[in-house]
Amino acid sequence: MGAGKSKKHRKKQRIAKHVVESQTRKKQEDAEKQLLAASEGDGETSTDDANDESKNKSTKNTKTKDPAEAASYLTLWNLDRNSESTTKNWKFNKNTQSWLLRHMYDFDKVSKSTFGTLVDYVCQGGDKTRLRVEEGAKRRARRYKEWEKKQQKEGDAEQDEDDVADETKDDTSSSPDDEEWNQLDDHDKRKEYKRARKVLDSLKEQQ
C-alpha cells in the first residue's frame, strides 16, 4: 500500500509541474502583449502630442490682429464714451491698444476713420501713452520736413547732391523704421506726415 501511494503521489507532482509551466508561459505571453500594447499606445500619444504642439506653435506664429477687430475695439470705446447709459460694453485690452499704437501710421491696417477715433482715444488716455505717441509723431513730422528740404535741393550742384545722399544715409541709421520709411513713395510719406500733424495738433488742443 505504501508503494502505491508513493507512485500516485509522484504522478500528481508531475501533472502539477506541467500545469504550472503552462500557466507560467501563458502569463509571460500576456505580459508581453500588454507591454507591446502599452508601447504602441505611448508611441501614438507621443505622436499626437508632437502634432498638437506643432499645431499650437504654428497657430501662435501665424496669429495676427485683425484690423477689423481693432477698429471695433475703438468703435465700442467711442460709443460707450458718448453714451448716457450706465452700462458699459467696452473693456480695456492692452494687446489691442499696443497693436493700434504700433500700426497707427500703417494705412493698410488702420483706416482713415479708425485713425481719427484712435487720435481721440490717445488724447483721453494716460500721460505715458500720450507722451510716447507725441514723441513718435514729432519724430515722424521732423523726418518728413527734413526729407522735403532735401528734395528741394535735388536741382543743386552735384556736390550738394552727394551731401544729401550722405545725410540720407545718416538718417536711415537713426531709427529702426527709417529704412522702411525710405521705401515709401512721396505720396505715402506725405500721408504719414499728415497723420503725425493731426496727432500733434489734437494733443496740443488737450493741453
N, C-alpha and C. Protein backbone atom coordinates (compact mmCIF):
# COMPACT_ATOMS: atom_id res chain seq x y z
N MET A 1 0.83 -1.20 0.00
CA MET A 1 0.00 0.00 0.00
C MET A 1 0.87 1.25 0.00
N GLY A 2 1.96 1.21 0.76
CA GLY A 2 2.82 2.40 0.82
C GLY A 2 3.44 2.71 -0.50
N ALA A 3 3.86 1.65 -1.23
CA ALA A 3 4.47 1.89 -2.54
C ALA A 3 3.49 2.45 -3.52
N GLY A 4 2.24 2.00 -3.45
CA GLY A 4 1.20 2.51 -4.37
C GLY A 4 0.91 3.96 -4.14
N LYS A 5 0.87 4.33 -2.87
CA LYS A 5 0.62 5.75 -2.57
C LYS A 5 1.75 6.62 -3.07
N SER A 6 3.00 6.11 -2.98
CA SER A 6 4.15 6.88 -3.41
C SER A 6 4.13 7.13 -4.90
N LYS A 7 3.76 6.10 -5.69
CA LYS A 7 3.67 6.27 -7.15
C LYS A 7 2.60 7.28 -7.50
N LYS A 8 1.43 7.16 -6.81
CA LYS A 8 0.32 8.08 -7.11
C LYS A 8 0.72 9.51 -6.77
N HIS A 9 1.48 9.65 -5.68
CA HIS A 9 1.91 10.99 -5.27
C HIS A 9 2.86 11.61 -6.29
N ARG A 10 3.85 10.80 -6.80
CA ARG A 10 4.78 11.30 -7.80
C ARG A 10 4.06 11.68 -9.08
N LYS A 11 3.01 10.91 -9.42
CA LYS A 11 2.24 11.21 -10.63
C LYS A 11 1.55 12.55 -10.51
N LYS A 12 1.03 12.82 -9.32
CA LYS A 12 0.34 14.09 -9.11
C LYS A 12 1.33 15.25 -9.21
N GLN A 13 2.56 15.01 -8.71
CA GLN A 13 3.57 16.07 -8.78
C GLN A 13 3.94 16.38 -10.22
N ARG A 14 4.08 15.34 -11.06
CA ARG A 14 4.42 15.57 -12.47
C ARG A 14 3.32 16.35 -13.18
N ILE A 15 2.09 16.05 -12.91
CA ILE A 15 0.97 16.76 -13.53
C ILE A 15 0.93 18.21 -13.06
N ALA A 16 1.14 18.42 -11.81
CA ALA A 16 1.13 19.77 -11.26
C ALA A 16 2.24 20.62 -11.87
N LYS A 17 3.42 20.08 -12.07
CA LYS A 17 4.52 20.81 -12.67
C LYS A 17 4.23 21.21 -14.10
N HIS A 18 3.60 20.37 -14.85
CA HIS A 18 3.23 20.66 -16.23
C HIS A 18 2.22 21.80 -16.30
N VAL A 19 1.26 21.76 -15.40
CA VAL A 19 0.25 22.82 -15.37
C VAL A 19 0.87 24.16 -15.01
N VAL A 20 1.77 24.10 -14.03
CA VAL A 20 2.43 25.34 -13.60
C VAL A 20 3.23 25.95 -14.73
N GLU A 21 3.98 25.10 -15.46
CA GLU A 21 4.77 25.62 -16.58
C GLU A 21 3.88 26.22 -17.66
N SER A 22 2.75 25.57 -17.93
CA SER A 22 1.82 26.09 -18.93
C SER A 22 1.25 27.43 -18.51
N GLN A 23 0.88 27.52 -17.26
CA GLN A 23 0.33 28.78 -16.74
C GLN A 23 1.36 29.90 -16.77
N THR A 24 2.61 29.50 -16.45
CA THR A 24 3.70 30.50 -16.46
C THR A 24 3.93 31.05 -17.85
N ARG A 25 3.95 30.14 -18.85
CA ARG A 25 4.13 30.60 -20.24
C ARG A 25 2.99 31.53 -20.66
N LYS A 26 1.78 31.18 -20.26
CA LYS A 26 0.63 32.00 -20.63
C LYS A 26 0.71 33.38 -20.02
N LYS A 27 1.16 33.42 -18.74
CA LYS A 27 1.30 34.71 -18.08
C LYS A 27 2.37 35.57 -18.76
N GLN A 28 3.46 34.90 -19.15
CA GLN A 28 4.54 35.62 -19.84
C GLN A 28 4.06 36.19 -21.17
N GLU A 29 3.28 35.38 -21.92
CA GLU A 29 2.75 35.84 -23.20
C GLU A 29 1.80 37.02 -23.01
N ASP A 30 0.94 36.89 -21.97
CA ASP A 30 0.01 38.01 -21.70
C ASP A 30 0.76 39.28 -21.32
N ALA A 31 1.81 39.08 -20.52
CA ALA A 31 2.60 40.24 -20.10
C ALA A 31 3.28 40.90 -21.30
N GLU A 32 3.79 40.07 -22.22
CA GLU A 32 4.44 40.61 -23.42
C GLU A 32 3.44 41.37 -24.29
N LYS A 33 2.23 40.82 -24.39
CA LYS A 33 1.19 41.51 -25.19
C LYS A 33 0.84 42.85 -24.57
N GLN A 34 0.73 42.90 -23.24
CA GLN A 34 0.41 44.15 -22.57
C GLN A 34 1.50 45.19 -22.75
N LEU A 35 2.75 44.72 -22.65
CA LEU A 35 3.87 45.65 -22.85
C LEU A 35 3.89 46.20 -24.27
N LEU A 36 3.62 45.32 -25.24
CA LEU A 36 3.60 45.74 -26.64
C LEU A 36 2.50 46.74 -26.89
N ALA A 37 1.32 46.46 -26.31
CA ALA A 37 0.18 47.37 -26.49
C ALA A 37 0.47 48.72 -25.85
N ALA A 38 1.08 48.67 -24.66
CA ALA A 38 1.41 49.92 -23.97
C ALA A 38 2.43 50.73 -24.75
N SER A 39 3.41 50.02 -25.33
CA SER A 39 4.44 50.69 -26.12
C SER A 39 3.84 51.37 -27.34
N GLU A 40 2.95 50.65 -28.01
CA GLU A 40 2.29 51.24 -29.19
C GLU A 40 1.41 52.41 -28.79
N GLY A 41 0.75 52.30 -27.64
CA GLY A 41 -0.10 53.39 -27.17
C GLY A 41 0.71 54.63 -26.86
N ASP A 42 1.89 54.41 -26.19
CA ASP A 42 2.76 55.55 -25.87
C ASP A 42 3.26 56.21 -27.12
N GLY A 43 3.56 55.42 -28.13
CA GLY A 43 4.05 55.97 -29.39
C GLY A 43 3.01 56.83 -30.05
N GLU A 44 1.75 56.37 -30.00
CA GLU A 44 0.68 57.16 -30.60
C GLU A 44 0.46 58.44 -29.83
N THR A 45 0.54 58.33 -28.50
CA THR A 45 0.35 59.53 -27.68
C THR A 45 1.44 60.55 -27.95
N SER A 46 2.70 60.05 -28.05
CA SER A 46 3.81 60.96 -28.32
C SER A 46 3.64 61.65 -29.66
N THR A 47 3.20 60.89 -30.66
CA THR A 47 2.98 61.46 -31.98
C THR A 47 1.87 62.49 -31.95
N ASP A 48 0.78 62.16 -31.23
CA ASP A 48 -0.33 63.10 -31.14
C ASP A 48 0.10 64.36 -30.41
N ASP A 49 0.87 64.17 -29.31
CA ASP A 49 1.34 65.35 -28.57
C ASP A 49 2.24 66.22 -29.44
N ALA A 50 3.10 65.56 -30.22
CA ALA A 50 4.01 66.31 -31.09
C ALA A 50 3.21 67.08 -32.14
N ASN A 51 2.17 66.42 -32.68
CA ASN A 51 1.35 67.09 -33.69
C ASN A 51 0.60 68.27 -33.08
N ASP A 52 0.05 68.06 -31.85
CA ASP A 52 -0.67 69.13 -31.19
C ASP A 52 0.25 70.30 -30.89
N GLU A 53 1.48 69.98 -30.41
CA GLU A 53 2.44 71.04 -30.11
C GLU A 53 2.82 71.80 -31.36
N SER A 54 2.99 71.06 -32.46
CA SER A 54 3.34 71.69 -33.73
C SER A 54 2.23 72.62 -34.20
N LYS A 55 0.98 72.15 -34.03
CA LYS A 55 -0.16 72.97 -34.44
C LYS A 55 -0.25 74.22 -33.59
N ASN A 56 -0.01 74.06 -32.27
CA ASN A 56 -0.07 75.21 -31.38
C ASN A 56 0.98 76.24 -31.75
N LYS A 57 2.21 75.76 -32.04
CA LYS A 57 3.28 76.68 -32.43
C LYS A 57 2.94 77.38 -33.73
N SER A 58 2.39 76.59 -34.67
CA SER A 58 2.05 77.17 -35.96
C SER A 58 0.97 78.22 -35.81
N THR A 59 -0.03 77.92 -34.96
CA THR A 59 -1.12 78.88 -34.74
C THR A 59 -0.60 80.13 -34.07
N LYS A 60 0.32 79.94 -33.11
CA LYS A 60 0.87 81.09 -32.40
C LYS A 60 1.69 81.98 -33.31
N ASN A 61 2.44 81.36 -34.21
CA ASN A 61 3.30 82.13 -35.09
C ASN A 61 2.52 82.89 -36.15
N THR A 62 1.40 82.31 -36.58
CA THR A 62 0.64 82.92 -37.67
C THR A 62 -0.48 83.82 -37.17
N LYS A 63 -0.72 83.81 -35.86
CA LYS A 63 -1.82 84.60 -35.33
C LYS A 63 -1.49 86.08 -35.40
N THR A 64 -2.36 86.87 -36.03
CA THR A 64 -2.17 88.31 -36.14
C THR A 64 -3.48 89.00 -35.81
N LYS A 65 -3.38 90.25 -35.41
CA LYS A 65 -4.57 91.02 -35.07
C LYS A 65 -5.34 91.39 -36.33
N ASP A 66 -6.63 91.17 -36.30
CA ASP A 66 -7.49 91.53 -37.41
C ASP A 66 -7.76 93.04 -37.34
N PRO A 67 -7.44 93.80 -38.38
CA PRO A 67 -7.69 95.25 -38.35
C PRO A 67 -9.15 95.58 -38.03
N ALA A 68 -10.08 94.74 -38.49
CA ALA A 68 -11.50 94.98 -38.21
C ALA A 68 -11.78 94.84 -36.72
N GLU A 69 -11.10 93.90 -36.09
CA GLU A 69 -11.27 93.70 -34.64
C GLU A 69 -10.76 94.91 -33.87
N ALA A 70 -9.62 95.44 -34.31
CA ALA A 70 -9.06 96.62 -33.66
C ALA A 70 -9.96 97.84 -33.88
N ALA A 71 -10.53 97.95 -35.06
CA ALA A 71 -11.44 99.05 -35.36
C ALA A 71 -12.70 98.96 -34.49
N SER A 72 -13.20 97.73 -34.30
CA SER A 72 -14.39 97.52 -33.46
C SER A 72 -14.10 97.90 -32.01
N TYR A 73 -12.88 97.64 -31.59
CA TYR A 73 -12.46 98.00 -30.22
C TYR A 73 -12.60 99.50 -30.00
N LEU A 74 -12.14 100.28 -30.97
CA LEU A 74 -12.24 101.74 -30.87
C LEU A 74 -13.67 102.23 -31.02
N THR A 75 -14.41 101.59 -31.92
CA THR A 75 -15.81 101.98 -32.13
C THR A 75 -16.62 101.79 -30.85
N LEU A 76 -16.42 100.67 -30.19
CA LEU A 76 -17.12 100.38 -28.95
C LEU A 76 -16.71 101.35 -27.85
N TRP A 77 -15.43 101.69 -27.82
CA TRP A 77 -14.95 102.68 -26.85
C TRP A 77 -15.63 104.02 -27.08
N ASN A 78 -15.75 104.42 -28.33
CA ASN A 78 -16.35 105.70 -28.67
C ASN A 78 -17.85 105.72 -28.33
N LEU A 79 -18.53 104.60 -28.58
CA LEU A 79 -19.96 104.51 -28.26
C LEU A 79 -20.19 104.61 -26.77
N ASP A 80 -19.39 103.90 -26.00
CA ASP A 80 -19.54 103.95 -24.54
C ASP A 80 -19.22 105.34 -24.00
N ARG A 81 -18.25 105.98 -24.62
CA ARG A 81 -17.83 107.31 -24.16
C ARG A 81 -18.94 108.33 -24.35
N ASN A 82 -19.68 108.20 -25.45
CA ASN A 82 -20.73 109.16 -25.77
C ASN A 82 -22.12 108.70 -25.31
N SER A 83 -22.19 107.53 -24.70
CA SER A 83 -23.48 107.00 -24.26
C SER A 83 -23.82 107.51 -22.86
N GLU A 84 -25.12 107.78 -22.65
CA GLU A 84 -25.58 108.22 -21.33
C GLU A 84 -25.92 107.05 -20.43
N SER A 85 -25.89 105.86 -20.99
CA SER A 85 -26.20 104.67 -20.22
C SER A 85 -25.09 104.35 -19.23
N THR A 86 -25.49 103.82 -18.09
CA THR A 86 -24.51 103.44 -17.08
C THR A 86 -23.88 102.08 -17.38
N THR A 87 -24.49 101.34 -18.29
CA THR A 87 -23.96 100.04 -18.69
C THR A 87 -22.91 100.22 -19.77
N LYS A 88 -21.71 99.80 -19.49
CA LYS A 88 -20.61 99.95 -20.44
C LYS A 88 -20.22 98.59 -21.01
N ASN A 89 -20.08 98.56 -22.33
CA ASN A 89 -19.73 97.31 -23.01
C ASN A 89 -18.24 97.22 -23.37
N TRP A 90 -17.59 98.39 -23.42
CA TRP A 90 -16.18 98.40 -23.81
C TRP A 90 -15.30 97.99 -22.63
N LYS A 91 -14.27 97.18 -22.92
CA LYS A 91 -13.30 96.77 -21.91
C LYS A 91 -11.89 97.02 -22.44
N PHE A 92 -11.05 97.55 -21.58
CA PHE A 92 -9.67 97.85 -21.98
C PHE A 92 -8.94 96.56 -22.33
N ASN A 93 -8.20 96.62 -23.44
CA ASN A 93 -7.39 95.48 -23.88
C ASN A 93 -6.00 96.00 -24.23
N LYS A 94 -5.03 95.64 -23.42
CA LYS A 94 -3.67 96.15 -23.59
C LYS A 94 -3.07 95.72 -24.93
N ASN A 95 -3.32 94.47 -25.32
CA ASN A 95 -2.75 93.96 -26.57
C ASN A 95 -3.31 94.71 -27.78
N THR A 96 -4.62 94.97 -27.76
CA THR A 96 -5.24 95.69 -28.87
C THR A 96 -4.74 97.13 -28.92
N GLN A 97 -4.61 97.76 -27.76
CA GLN A 97 -4.09 99.13 -27.73
C GLN A 97 -2.66 99.19 -28.27
N SER A 98 -1.83 98.24 -27.85
CA SER A 98 -0.44 98.21 -28.32
C SER A 98 -0.38 98.02 -29.83
N TRP A 99 -1.25 97.16 -30.34
CA TRP A 99 -1.28 96.91 -31.78
C TRP A 99 -1.67 98.19 -32.53
N LEU A 100 -2.67 98.89 -32.04
CA LEU A 100 -3.14 100.12 -32.69
C LEU A 100 -2.05 101.19 -32.69
N LEU A 101 -1.39 101.36 -31.57
CA LEU A 101 -0.33 102.38 -31.49
C LEU A 101 0.86 102.01 -32.35
N ARG A 102 1.12 100.71 -32.47
CA ARG A 102 2.26 100.26 -33.28
C ARG A 102 1.99 100.43 -34.77
N HIS A 103 0.73 100.34 -35.17
CA HIS A 103 0.39 100.40 -36.59
C HIS A 103 -0.43 101.64 -36.96
N MET A 104 -0.41 102.65 -36.13
CA MET A 104 -1.28 103.80 -36.38
C MET A 104 -0.89 104.58 -37.64
N TYR A 105 0.33 104.38 -38.14
CA TYR A 105 0.74 105.04 -39.38
C TYR A 105 0.74 104.08 -40.57
N ASP A 106 0.21 102.91 -40.36
CA ASP A 106 0.09 101.92 -41.43
C ASP A 106 -1.30 102.06 -42.06
N PHE A 107 -1.34 102.59 -43.28
CA PHE A 107 -2.62 102.91 -43.92
C PHE A 107 -3.44 101.67 -44.25
N ASP A 108 -2.78 100.54 -44.45
CA ASP A 108 -3.49 99.31 -44.78
C ASP A 108 -4.15 98.68 -43.55
N LYS A 109 -3.55 98.88 -42.38
CA LYS A 109 -4.07 98.26 -41.17
C LYS A 109 -4.97 99.17 -40.35
N VAL A 110 -4.72 100.47 -40.43
CA VAL A 110 -5.54 101.44 -39.70
C VAL A 110 -6.09 102.45 -40.71
N SER A 111 -7.38 102.33 -40.96
CA SER A 111 -8.03 103.19 -41.96
C SER A 111 -8.09 104.63 -41.48
N LYS A 112 -8.49 105.51 -42.37
CA LYS A 112 -8.57 106.93 -42.04
C LYS A 112 -9.57 107.20 -40.91
N SER A 113 -10.74 106.57 -41.00
CA SER A 113 -11.76 106.78 -39.97
C SER A 113 -11.32 106.18 -38.63
N THR A 114 -10.70 105.01 -38.69
CA THR A 114 -10.20 104.39 -37.45
C THR A 114 -9.10 105.23 -36.83
N PHE A 115 -8.27 105.82 -37.66
CA PHE A 115 -7.20 106.67 -37.15
C PHE A 115 -7.76 107.88 -36.42
N GLY A 116 -8.85 108.46 -36.96
CA GLY A 116 -9.47 109.61 -36.31
C GLY A 116 -9.95 109.27 -34.90
N THR A 117 -10.57 108.10 -34.78
CA THR A 117 -11.03 107.66 -33.45
C THR A 117 -9.85 107.34 -32.55
N LEU A 118 -8.80 106.79 -33.14
CA LEU A 118 -7.60 106.45 -32.36
C LEU A 118 -6.96 107.70 -31.77
N VAL A 119 -6.95 108.78 -32.52
CA VAL A 119 -6.38 110.03 -32.01
C VAL A 119 -7.17 110.50 -30.79
N ASP A 120 -8.50 110.42 -30.88
CA ASP A 120 -9.33 110.80 -29.72
C ASP A 120 -9.04 109.87 -28.53
N TYR A 121 -8.86 108.62 -28.83
CA TYR A 121 -8.56 107.61 -27.80
C TYR A 121 -7.25 107.94 -27.10
N VAL A 122 -6.25 108.32 -27.86
CA VAL A 122 -4.95 108.67 -27.29
C VAL A 122 -5.06 109.92 -26.43
N CYS A 123 -5.80 110.89 -26.91
CA CYS A 123 -5.96 112.14 -26.16
C CYS A 123 -6.64 111.93 -24.82
N GLN A 124 -7.49 110.92 -24.74
CA GLN A 124 -8.19 110.62 -23.49
C GLN A 124 -7.42 109.61 -22.63
N GLY A 125 -6.29 109.15 -23.13
CA GLY A 125 -5.53 108.12 -22.42
C GLY A 125 -4.62 108.68 -21.34
N GLY A 126 -3.77 107.81 -20.82
CA GLY A 126 -2.87 108.20 -19.75
C GLY A 126 -1.72 109.05 -20.23
N ASP A 127 -1.03 109.67 -19.29
CA ASP A 127 0.06 110.58 -19.62
C ASP A 127 1.20 109.88 -20.35
N LYS A 128 1.55 108.67 -19.92
CA LYS A 128 2.65 107.95 -20.54
C LYS A 128 2.33 107.61 -22.00
N THR A 129 1.10 107.21 -22.23
CA THR A 129 0.70 106.87 -23.61
C THR A 129 0.72 108.10 -24.49
N ARG A 130 0.18 109.20 -24.00
CA ARG A 130 0.17 110.45 -24.78
C ARG A 130 1.59 110.92 -25.08
N LEU A 131 2.46 110.84 -24.09
CA LEU A 131 3.83 111.30 -24.28
C LEU A 131 4.55 110.44 -25.31
N ARG A 132 4.35 109.13 -25.24
CA ARG A 132 5.02 108.24 -26.20
C ARG A 132 4.52 108.49 -27.62
N VAL A 133 3.22 108.66 -27.77
CA VAL A 133 2.65 108.92 -29.09
C VAL A 133 3.09 110.28 -29.61
N GLU A 134 3.15 111.27 -28.72
CA GLU A 134 3.58 112.62 -29.13
C GLU A 134 5.03 112.61 -29.61
N GLU A 135 5.89 111.91 -28.91
CA GLU A 135 7.30 111.83 -29.31
C GLU A 135 7.44 111.16 -30.68
N GLY A 136 6.66 110.12 -30.89
CA GLY A 136 6.69 109.44 -32.18
C GLY A 136 6.21 110.33 -33.31
N ALA A 137 5.16 111.09 -33.05
CA ALA A 137 4.61 111.99 -34.06
C ALA A 137 5.60 113.11 -34.39
N LYS A 138 6.25 113.65 -33.37
CA LYS A 138 7.24 114.71 -33.60
C LYS A 138 8.39 114.19 -34.46
N ARG A 139 8.84 113.00 -34.16
CA ARG A 139 9.95 112.44 -34.92
C ARG A 139 9.56 112.23 -36.38
N ARG A 140 8.36 111.74 -36.61
CA ARG A 140 7.90 111.50 -37.98
C ARG A 140 7.70 112.81 -38.73
N ALA A 141 7.15 113.81 -38.06
CA ALA A 141 6.95 115.11 -38.71
C ALA A 141 8.29 115.76 -39.05
N ARG A 142 9.23 115.67 -38.13
CA ARG A 142 10.56 116.25 -38.35
C ARG A 142 11.28 115.52 -39.49
N ARG A 143 11.13 114.20 -39.52
CA ARG A 143 11.77 113.41 -40.58
C ARG A 143 11.24 113.81 -41.95
N TYR A 144 9.93 114.03 -42.02
CA TYR A 144 9.36 114.41 -43.31
C TYR A 144 9.84 115.79 -43.75
N LYS A 145 9.88 116.75 -42.84
CA LYS A 145 10.30 118.11 -43.19
C LYS A 145 11.76 118.12 -43.65
N GLU A 146 12.60 117.31 -43.01
CA GLU A 146 13.99 117.23 -43.44
C GLU A 146 14.10 116.61 -44.82
N TRP A 147 13.29 115.58 -45.05
CA TRP A 147 13.29 114.93 -46.37
C TRP A 147 12.79 115.91 -47.43
N GLU A 148 11.79 116.70 -47.09
CA GLU A 148 11.22 117.67 -48.03
C GLU A 148 12.26 118.71 -48.43
N LYS A 149 13.05 119.15 -47.49
CA LYS A 149 14.11 120.12 -47.79
C LYS A 149 15.15 119.52 -48.73
N LYS A 150 15.46 118.25 -48.50
CA LYS A 150 16.44 117.58 -49.35
C LYS A 150 15.93 117.44 -50.78
N GLN A 151 14.64 117.21 -50.89
CA GLN A 151 14.04 117.09 -52.22
C GLN A 151 14.14 118.39 -53.00
N GLN A 152 14.05 119.48 -52.28
CA GLN A 152 14.11 120.80 -52.92
C GLN A 152 15.53 121.12 -53.40
N LYS A 153 16.51 120.42 -52.88
CA LYS A 153 17.90 120.67 -53.25
C LYS A 153 18.40 119.76 -54.36
N GLU A 154 17.51 118.95 -54.90
CA GLU A 154 17.94 117.98 -55.90
C GLU A 154 18.46 118.63 -57.18
N GLY A 155 18.03 119.86 -57.42
CA GLY A 155 18.48 120.53 -58.63
C GLY A 155 19.77 121.30 -58.46
N ASP A 156 20.35 121.25 -57.27
CA ASP A 156 21.60 121.98 -57.00
C ASP A 156 22.80 121.26 -57.59
N ALA A 157 23.96 121.71 -57.22
CA ALA A 157 25.21 121.16 -57.75
C ALA A 157 25.38 119.71 -57.34
N GLU A 158 26.25 118.99 -58.06
CA GLU A 158 26.49 117.58 -57.82
C GLU A 158 27.03 117.36 -56.40
N GLN A 159 27.84 118.27 -55.92
CA GLN A 159 28.38 118.15 -54.58
C GLN A 159 27.27 118.21 -53.55
N ASP A 160 26.32 119.09 -53.81
CA ASP A 160 25.19 119.19 -52.90
C ASP A 160 24.38 117.89 -52.90
N GLU A 161 24.26 117.26 -54.08
CA GLU A 161 23.52 116.01 -54.16
C GLU A 161 24.24 114.92 -53.38
N ASP A 162 25.60 114.95 -53.43
CA ASP A 162 26.35 113.96 -52.65
C ASP A 162 26.15 114.18 -51.16
N ASP A 163 26.10 115.44 -50.75
CA ASP A 163 25.87 115.74 -49.34
C ASP A 163 24.50 115.25 -48.89
N VAL A 164 23.50 115.43 -49.78
CA VAL A 164 22.14 114.98 -49.46
C VAL A 164 22.12 113.47 -49.29
N ALA A 165 22.85 112.77 -50.19
CA ALA A 165 22.89 111.30 -50.11
C ALA A 165 23.53 110.86 -48.81
N ASP A 166 24.62 111.57 -48.41
CA ASP A 166 25.28 111.22 -47.16
C ASP A 166 24.37 111.47 -45.97
N GLU A 167 23.63 112.57 -46.00
CA GLU A 167 22.73 112.88 -44.90
C GLU A 167 21.61 111.85 -44.81
N THR A 168 21.15 111.41 -45.99
CA THR A 168 20.09 110.40 -46.02
C THR A 168 20.55 109.11 -45.38
N LYS A 169 21.81 108.72 -45.63
CA LYS A 169 22.35 107.52 -45.03
C LYS A 169 22.42 107.66 -43.52
N ASP A 170 22.81 108.85 -43.05
CA ASP A 170 22.89 109.07 -41.61
C ASP A 170 21.52 108.98 -40.96
N ASP A 171 20.49 109.53 -41.64
CA ASP A 171 19.14 109.50 -41.10
C ASP A 171 18.62 108.08 -41.03
N THR A 172 19.00 107.26 -42.02
CA THR A 172 18.49 105.89 -42.08
C THR A 172 18.88 105.10 -40.84
N SER A 173 20.07 105.38 -40.29
CA SER A 173 20.54 104.63 -39.15
C SER A 173 20.02 105.18 -37.82
N SER A 174 19.23 106.26 -37.85
CA SER A 174 18.79 106.88 -36.61
C SER A 174 17.62 106.15 -35.96
N SER A 175 16.86 105.39 -36.74
CA SER A 175 15.68 104.73 -36.19
C SER A 175 15.41 103.43 -36.93
N PRO A 176 14.89 102.42 -36.24
CA PRO A 176 14.65 101.11 -36.87
C PRO A 176 13.71 101.17 -38.07
N ASP A 177 12.73 102.09 -38.04
CA ASP A 177 11.75 102.10 -39.12
C ASP A 177 12.08 103.10 -40.23
N ASP A 178 13.23 103.78 -40.12
CA ASP A 178 13.59 104.75 -41.15
C ASP A 178 13.86 104.07 -42.49
N GLU A 179 14.47 102.91 -42.44
CA GLU A 179 14.75 102.21 -43.69
C GLU A 179 13.46 101.85 -44.42
N GLU A 180 12.46 101.41 -43.67
CA GLU A 180 11.16 101.10 -44.27
C GLU A 180 10.50 102.37 -44.78
N TRP A 181 10.65 103.46 -44.04
CA TRP A 181 10.04 104.73 -44.45
C TRP A 181 10.66 105.22 -45.76
N ASN A 182 11.95 105.01 -45.94
CA ASN A 182 12.62 105.44 -47.16
C ASN A 182 12.10 104.71 -48.40
N GLN A 183 11.46 103.55 -48.19
CA GLN A 183 10.91 102.79 -49.31
C GLN A 183 9.54 103.31 -49.74
N LEU A 184 8.93 104.17 -48.93
CA LEU A 184 7.62 104.72 -49.27
C LEU A 184 7.74 105.70 -50.42
N ASP A 185 6.67 105.79 -51.22
CA ASP A 185 6.69 106.79 -52.27
C ASP A 185 6.34 108.16 -51.68
N ASP A 186 6.47 109.20 -52.49
CA ASP A 186 6.27 110.56 -51.99
C ASP A 186 4.87 110.75 -51.41
N HIS A 187 3.89 110.14 -52.04
CA HIS A 187 2.50 110.30 -51.59
C HIS A 187 2.30 109.71 -50.20
N ASP A 188 2.83 108.52 -49.96
CA ASP A 188 2.67 107.87 -48.66
C ASP A 188 3.47 108.59 -47.57
N LYS A 189 4.61 109.13 -47.95
CA LYS A 189 5.38 109.93 -46.99
C LYS A 189 4.55 111.13 -46.54
N ARG A 190 3.88 111.75 -47.50
CA ARG A 190 3.04 112.91 -47.19
C ARG A 190 1.85 112.51 -46.32
N LYS A 191 1.28 111.36 -46.57
CA LYS A 191 0.14 110.87 -45.78
C LYS A 191 0.57 110.61 -44.33
N GLU A 192 1.74 110.05 -44.16
CA GLU A 192 2.22 109.79 -42.80
C GLU A 192 2.45 111.12 -42.07
N TYR A 193 2.99 112.08 -42.79
CA TYR A 193 3.23 113.39 -42.18
C TYR A 193 1.91 114.02 -41.73
N LYS A 194 0.88 113.90 -42.55
CA LYS A 194 -0.43 114.47 -42.19
C LYS A 194 -0.98 113.81 -40.92
N ARG A 195 -0.77 112.51 -40.81
CA ARG A 195 -1.24 111.81 -39.60
C ARG A 195 -0.47 112.30 -38.37
N ALA A 196 0.82 112.48 -38.54
CA ALA A 196 1.63 112.95 -37.43
C ALA A 196 1.20 114.35 -37.00
N ARG A 197 0.91 115.22 -37.98
CA ARG A 197 0.46 116.57 -37.67
C ARG A 197 -0.89 116.54 -36.95
N LYS A 198 -1.76 115.65 -37.36
CA LYS A 198 -3.08 115.55 -36.73
C LYS A 198 -2.93 115.13 -35.26
N VAL A 199 -2.02 114.20 -35.01
CA VAL A 199 -1.78 113.76 -33.64
C VAL A 199 -1.27 114.92 -32.80
N LEU A 200 -0.28 115.65 -33.32
CA LEU A 200 0.31 116.75 -32.57
C LEU A 200 -0.69 117.87 -32.32
N ASP A 201 -1.47 118.21 -33.33
CA ASP A 201 -2.47 119.27 -33.18
C ASP A 201 -3.55 118.88 -32.15
N SER A 202 -3.97 117.61 -32.21
CA SER A 202 -5.02 117.15 -31.27
C SER A 202 -4.51 117.13 -29.84
N LEU A 203 -3.27 116.68 -29.65
CA LEU A 203 -2.70 116.64 -28.31
C LEU A 203 -2.49 118.05 -27.77
N LYS A 204 -2.15 118.98 -28.65
CA LYS A 204 -1.94 120.36 -28.23
C LYS A 204 -3.25 120.98 -27.74
N GLU A 205 -4.34 120.64 -28.39
CA GLU A 205 -5.65 121.16 -28.00
C GLU A 205 -6.07 120.67 -26.60
N GLN A 206 -5.56 119.47 -26.23
CA GLN A 206 -5.92 118.91 -24.92
C GLN A 206 -5.15 119.55 -23.77
N GLN A 207 -4.09 120.26 -24.10
CA GLN A 207 -3.26 120.86 -23.04
C GLN A 207 -3.90 122.11 -22.45
